[in-house]
Amino acid sequence: VREEAPSSESHGKQGGWVTFPFIIGCIG
């Protein structure tokens, strides 16, 4: 999901917190 800590500039790009809902939904 990420190679480094996400920043606000990563919104809309690959990786970062945009992936979080998909990962947490899948895990649950």
PDB file of all heavy atoms in Angstrom:
ATOM      1  N   VAL A   1       0.806  -1.208   0.000  1.00  0.00           N
ATOM      2  CA  VAL A   1       0.000   0.000   0.000  1.00  0.00           C
ATOM      3  C   VAL A   1       0.840   1.259   0.000  1.00  0.00           C
ATOM      4  O   VAL A   1       0.508   2.233  -0.623  1.00  0.00           O
ATOM      5  CB  VAL A   1      -0.927  -0.006   1.229  1.00  0.00           C
ATOM      6  CG1 VAL A   1      -1.637   1.310   1.360  1.00  0.00           C
ATOM      7  CG2 VAL A   1      -1.935  -1.115   1.087  1.00  0.00           C
ATOM      8  N   ARG A   2       1.985   1.254   0.713  1.00  0.00           N
ATOM      9  CA  ARG A   2       2.768   2.468   0.762  1.00  0.00           C
ATOM     10  C   ARG A   2       4.236   2.148   0.940  1.00  0.00           C
ATOM     11  O   ARG A   2       4.603   1.171   1.562  1.00  0.00           O
ATOM     12  CB  ARG A   2       2.301   3.356   1.911  1.00  0.00           C
ATOM     13  CG  ARG A   2       2.300   2.663   3.259  1.00  0.00           C
ATOM     14  CD  ARG A   2       1.821   3.618   4.326  1.00  0.00           C
ATOM     15  NE  ARG A   2       1.865   2.926   5.622  1.00  0.00           N
ATOM     16  CZ  ARG A   2       1.598   3.531   6.761  1.00  0.00           C
ATOM     17  NH1 ARG A   2       1.306   4.803   6.778  1.00  0.00           N
ATOM     18  NH2 ARG A   2       1.647   2.861   7.894  1.00  0.00           N
ATOM     19  N   GLU A   3       5.071   3.004   0.423  1.00  0.00           N
ATOM     20  CA  GLU A   3       6.497   2.847   0.573  1.00  0.00           C
ATOM     21  C   GLU A   3       7.027   3.774   1.660  1.00  0.00           C
ATOM     22  O   GLU A   3       8.106   3.569   2.185  1.00  0.00           O
ATOM     23  CB  GLU A   3       7.215   3.151  -0.744  1.00  0.00           C
ATOM     24  CG  GLU A   3       6.859   2.197  -1.856  1.00  0.00           C
ATOM     25  CD  GLU A   3       7.527   2.583  -3.145  1.00  0.00           C
ATOM     26  OE1 GLU A   3       7.803   3.778  -3.334  1.00  0.00           O
ATOM     27  OE2 GLU A   3       7.773   1.686  -3.937  1.00  0.00           O
ATOM     28  N   GLU A   4       6.281   4.774   2.004  1.00  0.00           N
ATOM     29  CA  GLU A   4       6.668   5.691   3.063  1.00  0.00           C
ATOM     30  C   GLU A   4       5.393   6.239   3.686  1.00  0.00           C
ATOM     31  O   GLU A   4       4.301   5.996   3.217  1.00  0.00           O
ATOM     32  CB  GLU A   4       7.514   6.834   2.495  1.00  0.00           C
ATOM     33  CG  GLU A   4       6.810   7.598   1.364  1.00  0.00           C
ATOM     34  CD  GLU A   4       7.733   8.616   0.723  1.00  0.00           C
ATOM     35  OE1 GLU A   4       8.878   8.721   1.160  1.00  0.00           O
ATOM     36  OE2 GLU A   4       7.293   9.302  -0.199  1.00  0.00           O
ATOM     37  N   ALA A   5       5.535   6.985   4.765  1.00  0.00           N
ATOM     38  CA  ALA A   5       4.367   7.525   5.441  1.00  0.00           C
ATOM     39  C   ALA A   5       3.587   8.419   4.494  1.00  0.00           C
ATOM     40  O   ALA A   5       4.158   9.261   3.814  1.00  0.00           O
ATOM     41  CB  ALA A   5       4.802   8.328   6.669  1.00  0.00           C
ATOM     42  N   PRO A   6       2.258   8.265   4.424  1.00  0.00           N
ATOM     43  CA  PRO A   6       1.464   9.047   3.499  1.00  0.00           C
ATOM     44  C   PRO A   6       1.400  10.502   3.921  1.00  0.00           C
ATOM     45  O   PRO A   6       1.440  10.838   5.092  1.00  0.00           O
ATOM     46  CB  PRO A   6       0.087   8.393   3.585  1.00  0.00           C
ATOM     47  CG  PRO A   6       0.049   7.770   4.916  1.00  0.00           C
ATOM     48  CD  PRO A   6       1.442   7.345   5.224  1.00  0.00           C
ATOM     49  N   SER A   7       1.288  11.357   2.977  1.00  0.00           N
ATOM     50  CA  SER A   7       1.133  12.775   3.239  1.00  0.00           C
ATOM     51  C   SER A   7      -0.121  13.270   2.565  1.00  0.00           C
ATOM     52  O   SER A   7      -0.761  12.567   1.803  1.00  0.00           O
ATOM     53  CB  SER A   7       2.348  13.558   2.710  1.00  0.00           C
ATOM     54  OG  SER A   7       2.408  13.442   1.306  1.00  0.00           O
ATOM     55  N   SER A   8      -0.473  14.520   2.854  1.00  0.00           N
ATOM     56  CA  SER A   8      -1.680  15.079   2.266  1.00  0.00           C
ATOM     57  C   SER A   8      -1.557  15.218   0.768  1.00  0.00           C
ATOM     58  O   SER A   8      -2.541  15.281   0.053  1.00  0.00           O
ATOM     59  CB  SER A   8      -1.965  16.448   2.905  1.00  0.00           C
ATOM     60  OG  SER A   8      -0.859  17.322   2.701  1.00  0.00           O
ATOM     61  N   GLU A   9      -0.305  15.218   0.267  1.00  0.00           N
ATOM     62  CA  GLU A   9      -0.115  15.388  -1.162  1.00  0.00           C
ATOM     63  C   GLU A   9      -0.374  14.103  -1.936  1.00  0.00           C
ATOM     64  O   GLU A   9      -0.452  14.109  -3.157  1.00  0.00           O
ATOM     65  CB  GLU A   9       1.321  15.856  -1.431  1.00  0.00           C
ATOM     66  CG  GLU A   9       1.628  17.191  -0.808  1.00  0.00           C
ATOM     67  CD  GLU A   9       3.086  17.597  -1.022  1.00  0.00           C
ATOM     68  OE1 GLU A   9       3.823  16.793  -1.601  1.00  0.00           O
ATOM     69  OE2 GLU A   9       3.447  18.708  -0.628  1.00  0.00           O
ATOM     70  N   SER A  10      -0.483  12.987  -1.210  1.00  0.00           N
ATOM     71  CA  SER A  10      -0.663  11.715  -1.887  1.00  0.00           C
ATOM     72  C   SER A  10      -2.102  11.428  -2.234  1.00  0.00           C
ATOM     73  O   SER A  10      -2.415  10.411  -2.829  1.00  0.00           O
ATOM     74  CB  SER A  10      -0.120  10.579  -0.991  1.00  0.00           C
ATOM     75  OG  SER A  10      -0.908  10.452   0.151  1.00  0.00           O
ATOM     76  N   HIS A  11      -3.004  12.323  -1.834  1.00  0.00           N
ATOM     77  CA  HIS A  11      -4.425  12.094  -2.114  1.00  0.00           C
ATOM     78  C   HIS A  11      -4.660  12.029  -3.619  1.00  0.00           C
ATOM     79  O   HIS A  11      -4.225  12.869  -4.374  1.00  0.00           O
ATOM     80  CB  HIS A  11      -5.261  13.217  -1.495  1.00  0.00           C
ATOM     81  CG  HIS A  11      -6.729  13.017  -1.716  1.00  0.00           C
ATOM     82  ND1 HIS A  11      -7.447  12.058  -1.052  1.00  0.00           N
ATOM     83  CD2 HIS A  11      -7.608  13.650  -2.546  1.00  0.00           C
ATOM     84  CE1 HIS A  11      -8.719  12.102  -1.425  1.00  0.00           C
ATOM     85  NE2 HIS A  11      -8.829  13.061  -2.340  1.00  0.00           N
ATOM     86  N   GLY A  12      -5.358  11.003  -4.039  1.00  0.00           N
ATOM     87  CA  GLY A  12      -5.660  10.847  -5.449  1.00  0.00           C
ATOM     88  C   GLY A  12      -4.619  10.059  -6.205  1.00  0.00           C
ATOM     89  O   GLY A  12      -4.803   9.759  -7.373  1.00  0.00           O
ATOM     90  N   LYS A  13      -3.502   9.735  -5.549  1.00  0.00           N
ATOM     91  CA  LYS A  13      -2.461   8.958  -6.199  1.00  0.00           C
ATOM     92  C   LYS A  13      -2.528   7.521  -5.691  1.00  0.00           C
ATOM     93  O   LYS A  13      -3.307   7.180  -4.821  1.00  0.00           O
ATOM     94  CB  LYS A  13      -1.090   9.560  -5.898  1.00  0.00           C
ATOM     95  CG  LYS A  13      -0.926  10.998  -6.389  1.00  0.00           C
ATOM     96  CD  LYS A  13       0.457  11.505  -6.038  1.00  0.00           C
ATOM     97  CE  LYS A  13       0.649  12.949  -6.501  1.00  0.00           C
ATOM     98  NZ  LYS A  13       1.992  13.468  -6.158  1.00  0.00           N
ATOM     99  N   GLN A  14      -1.642   6.699  -6.237  1.00  0.00           N
ATOM    100  CA  GLN A  14      -1.571   5.327  -5.761  1.00  0.00           C
ATOM    101  C   GLN A  14      -0.927   5.315  -4.378  1.00  0.00           C
ATOM    102  O   GLN A  14      -0.009   6.062  -4.097  1.00  0.00           O
ATOM    103  CB  GLN A  14      -0.764   4.472  -6.725  1.00  0.00           C
ATOM    104  CG  GLN A  14      -1.527   4.094  -7.979  1.00  0.00           C
ATOM    105  CD  GLN A  14      -0.771   3.069  -8.791  1.00  0.00           C
ATOM    106  OE1 GLN A  14       0.447   3.090  -8.841  1.00  0.00           O
ATOM    107  NE2 GLN A  14      -1.489   2.180  -9.430  1.00  0.00           N
ATOM    108  N   GLY A  15      -1.379   4.393  -3.542  1.00  0.00           N
ATOM    109  CA  GLY A  15      -0.825   4.276  -2.212  1.00  0.00           C
ATOM    110  C   GLY A  15      -1.401   5.306  -1.265  1.00  0.00           C
ATOM    111  O   GLY A  15      -2.284   6.083  -1.600  1.00  0.00           O
ATOM    112  N   GLY A  16      -0.892   5.311  -0.039  1.00  0.00           N
ATOM    113  CA  GLY A  16      -1.368   6.271   0.942  1.00  0.00           C
ATOM    114  C   GLY A  16      -2.706   5.874   1.526  1.00  0.00           C
ATOM    115  O   GLY A  16      -3.198   4.760   1.366  1.00  0.00           O
ATOM    116  N   TRP A  17      -3.344   6.828   2.200  1.00  0.00           N
ATOM    117  CA  TRP A  17      -4.563   6.538   2.939  1.00  0.00           C
ATOM    118  C   TRP A  17      -5.769   6.308   2.040  1.00  0.00           C
ATOM    119  O   TRP A  17      -6.821   5.879   2.527  1.00  0.00           O
ATOM    120  CB  TRP A  17      -4.848   7.685   3.905  1.00  0.00           C
ATOM    121  CG  TRP A  17      -3.867   7.696   5.023  1.00  0.00           C
ATOM    122  CD1 TRP A  17      -2.846   8.562   5.215  1.00  0.00           C
ATOM    123  CD2 TRP A  17      -3.799   6.763   6.096  1.00  0.00           C
ATOM    124  NE1 TRP A  17      -2.141   8.239   6.343  1.00  0.00           N
ATOM    125  CE2 TRP A  17      -2.707   7.131   6.912  1.00  0.00           C
ATOM    126  CE3 TRP A  17      -4.553   5.636   6.451  1.00  0.00           C
ATOM    127  CZ2 TRP A  17      -2.352   6.429   8.047  1.00  0.00           C
ATOM    128  CZ3 TRP A  17      -4.188   4.937   7.598  1.00  0.00           C
ATOM    129  CH2 TRP A  17      -3.103   5.339   8.373  1.00  0.00           C
ATOM    130  N   VAL A  18      -5.663   6.575   0.741  1.00  0.00           N
ATOM    131  CA  VAL A  18      -6.790   6.287  -0.142  1.00  0.00           C
ATOM    132  C   VAL A  18      -7.089   4.789  -0.178  1.00  0.00           C
ATOM    133  O   VAL A  18      -8.205   4.359  -0.463  1.00  0.00           O
ATOM    134  CB  VAL A  18      -6.510   6.826  -1.564  1.00  0.00           C
ATOM    135  CG1 VAL A  18      -5.394   6.032  -2.233  1.00  0.00           C
ATOM    136  CG2 VAL A  18      -7.776   6.795  -2.406  1.00  0.00           C
ATOM    137  N   THR A  19      -6.081   3.980   0.130  1.00  0.00           N
ATOM    138  CA  THR A  19      -6.269   2.528   0.123  1.00  0.00           C
ATOM    139  C   THR A  19      -6.856   2.004   1.428  1.00  0.00           C
ATOM    140  O   THR A  19      -7.295   0.852   1.495  1.00  0.00           O
ATOM    141  CB  THR A  19      -4.924   1.823  -0.106  1.00  0.00           C
ATOM    142  OG1 THR A  19      -4.045   2.142   0.992  1.00  0.00           O
ATOM    143  CG2 THR A  19      -4.289   2.270  -1.397  1.00  0.00           C
ATOM    144  N   PHE A  20      -6.856   2.838   2.463  1.00  0.00           N
ATOM    145  CA  PHE A  20      -7.224   2.367   3.797  1.00  0.00           C
ATOM    146  C   PHE A  20      -8.619   1.750   3.864  1.00  0.00           C
ATOM    147  O   PHE A  20      -8.795   0.671   4.458  1.00  0.00           O
ATOM    148  CB  PHE A  20      -7.097   3.518   4.795  1.00  0.00           C
ATOM    149  CG  PHE A  20      -7.335   3.114   6.214  1.00  0.00           C
ATOM    150  CD1 PHE A  20      -6.373   2.419   6.925  1.00  0.00           C
ATOM    151  CD2 PHE A  20      -8.533   3.417   6.853  1.00  0.00           C
ATOM    152  CE1 PHE A  20      -6.580   2.048   8.233  1.00  0.00           C
ATOM    153  CE2 PHE A  20      -8.761   3.036   8.157  1.00  0.00           C
ATOM    154  CZ  PHE A  20      -7.773   2.364   8.853  1.00  0.00           C
ATOM    155  N   PRO A  21      -9.670   2.365   3.306  1.00  0.00           N
ATOM    156  CA  PRO A  21     -11.008   1.748   3.395  1.00  0.00           C
ATOM    157  C   PRO A  21     -11.070   0.360   2.765  1.00  0.00           C
ATOM    158  O   PRO A  21     -11.776  -0.527   3.273  1.00  0.00           O
ATOM    159  CB  PRO A  21     -11.913   2.739   2.638  1.00  0.00           C
ATOM    160  CG  PRO A  21     -11.175   4.030   2.673  1.00  0.00           C
ATOM    161  CD  PRO A  21      -9.729   3.671   2.616  1.00  0.00           C
ATOM    162  N   PHE A  22     -10.335   0.167   1.683  1.00  0.00           N
ATOM    163  CA  PHE A  22     -10.361  -1.138   1.015  1.00  0.00           C
ATOM    164  C   PHE A  22      -9.649  -2.196   1.865  1.00  0.00           C
ATOM    165  O   PHE A  22     -10.121  -3.327   1.990  1.00  0.00           O
ATOM    166  CB  PHE A  22      -9.693  -1.031  -0.359  1.00  0.00           C
ATOM    167  CG  PHE A  22     -10.360  -0.045  -1.278  1.00  0.00           C
ATOM    168  CD1 PHE A  22      -9.812   1.220  -1.474  1.00  0.00           C
ATOM    169  CD2 PHE A  22     -11.532  -0.355  -1.930  1.00  0.00           C
ATOM    170  CE1 PHE A  22     -10.419   2.137  -2.309  1.00  0.00           C
ATOM    171  CE2 PHE A  22     -12.154   0.551  -2.764  1.00  0.00           C
ATOM    172  CZ  PHE A  22     -11.596   1.811  -2.946  1.00  0.00           C
ATOM    173  N   ILE A  23      -8.507  -1.798   2.444  1.00  0.00           N
ATOM    174  CA  ILE A  23      -7.749  -2.750   3.243  1.00  0.00           C
ATOM    175  C   ILE A  23      -8.507  -3.117   4.514  1.00  0.00           C
ATOM    176  O   ILE A  23      -8.655  -4.290   4.860  1.00  0.00           O
ATOM    177  CB  ILE A  23      -6.370  -2.166   3.604  1.00  0.00           C
ATOM    178  CG1 ILE A  23      -5.556  -1.910   2.334  1.00  0.00           C
ATOM    179  CG2 ILE A  23      -5.617  -3.112   4.539  1.00  0.00           C
ATOM    180  CD1 ILE A  23      -5.331  -3.141   1.498  1.00  0.00           C
ATOM    181  N   ILE A  24      -9.019  -2.109   5.219  1.00  0.00           N
ATOM    182  CA  ILE A  24      -9.693  -2.387   6.486  1.00  0.00           C
ATOM    183  C   ILE A  24     -11.003  -3.149   6.251  1.00  0.00           C
ATOM    184  O   ILE A  24     -11.378  -4.018   7.046  1.00  0.00           O
ATOM    185  CB  ILE A  24      -9.928  -1.068   7.265  1.00  0.00           C
ATOM    186  CG1 ILE A  24     -10.168  -1.375   8.742  1.00  0.00           C
ATOM    187  CG2 ILE A  24     -11.101  -0.287   6.701  1.00  0.00           C
ATOM    188  CD1 ILE A  24     -10.169  -0.152   9.629  1.00  0.00           C
ATOM    189  N   GLY A  25     -11.683  -2.869   5.152  1.00  0.00           N
ATOM    190  CA  GLY A  25     -12.893  -3.612   4.817  1.00  0.00           C
ATOM    191  C   GLY A  25     -12.590  -5.061   4.503  1.00  0.00           C
ATOM    192  O   GLY A  25     -13.309  -5.973   4.936  1.00  0.00           O
ATOM    193  N   CYS A  26     -11.524  -5.274   3.755  1.00  0.00           N
ATOM    194  CA  CYS A  26     -11.123  -6.641   3.399  1.00  0.00           C
ATOM    195  C   CYS A  26     -10.700  -7.428   4.635  1.00  0.00           C
ATOM    196  O   CYS A  26     -11.101  -8.577   4.823  1.00  0.00           O
ATOM    197  CB  CYS A  26      -9.991  -6.592   2.376  1.00  0.00           C
ATOM    198  SG  CYS A  26      -9.438  -8.206   1.816  1.00  0.00           S
ATOM    199  N   ILE A  27      -9.892  -6.800   5.508  1.00  0.00           N
ATOM    200  CA  ILE A  27      -9.444  -7.466   6.730  1.00  0.00           C
ATOM    201  C   ILE A  27     -10.629  -7.859   7.601  1.00  0.00           C
ATOM    202  O   ILE A  27     -10.722  -8.983   8.101  1.00  0.00           O
ATOM    203  CB  ILE A  27      -8.475  -6.548   7.512  1.00  0.00           C
ATOM    204  CG1 ILE A  27      -7.120  -6.460   6.811  1.00  0.00           C
ATOM    205  CG2 ILE A  27      -8.277  -7.064   8.938  1.00  0.00           C
ATOM    206  CD1 ILE A  27      -6.149  -5.512   7.473  1.00  0.00           C
ATOM    207  N   GLY A  28     -11.569  -6.918   7.780  1.00  0.00           N
ATOM    208  CA  GLY A  28     -12.731  -7.202   8.624  1.00  0.00           C
ATOM    209  C   GLY A  28     -13.568  -8.341   8.092  1.00  0.00           C
ATOM    210  O   GLY A  28     -13.949  -9.251   8.841  1.00  0.00           O
TER     211      GLY A  28
END
